C-alpha cells in the first residue's frame, strides 16, 4: 500500500506544482496522455518546452511504477523512483519561470 500512496502523493505533488500558476484556459487535471495533450492545447504551450517534457516524463515514470507495483521491488523500480524525484524537482524549477 505504501508504494501506491507514494505514487498518488507524487501525482498530487506534480499537479500542485504545475497548477500554482493560474493557466489562461484550464489547469492540468491529471497525468494521462490525453489530459496532458488537452492542457497543452488549451493553454497554447510549446509541446517541446522543458516544462511539458518534464510533465510527460513524470507521467511516464508514474505509469511504469504503477505497472510494476505488484512485482518484487527491483533495481529498475528503484531507479525509476529516483528518476521521478529528479523530474519533480525539474518541474518545480521550470515552474519558477512561469511564476516570476
Foldseek 3Di string as FASTA:
>chain_A
DVLVVVLVVLFVLLQCLQVVDPQPFDGQDGLDPVSLVVVCVRRVHDCPDLLNVLSNLLSVLSVVLVVCVVPDDDPVNVVSVVVNVVSSVSNNVVSVVVVD
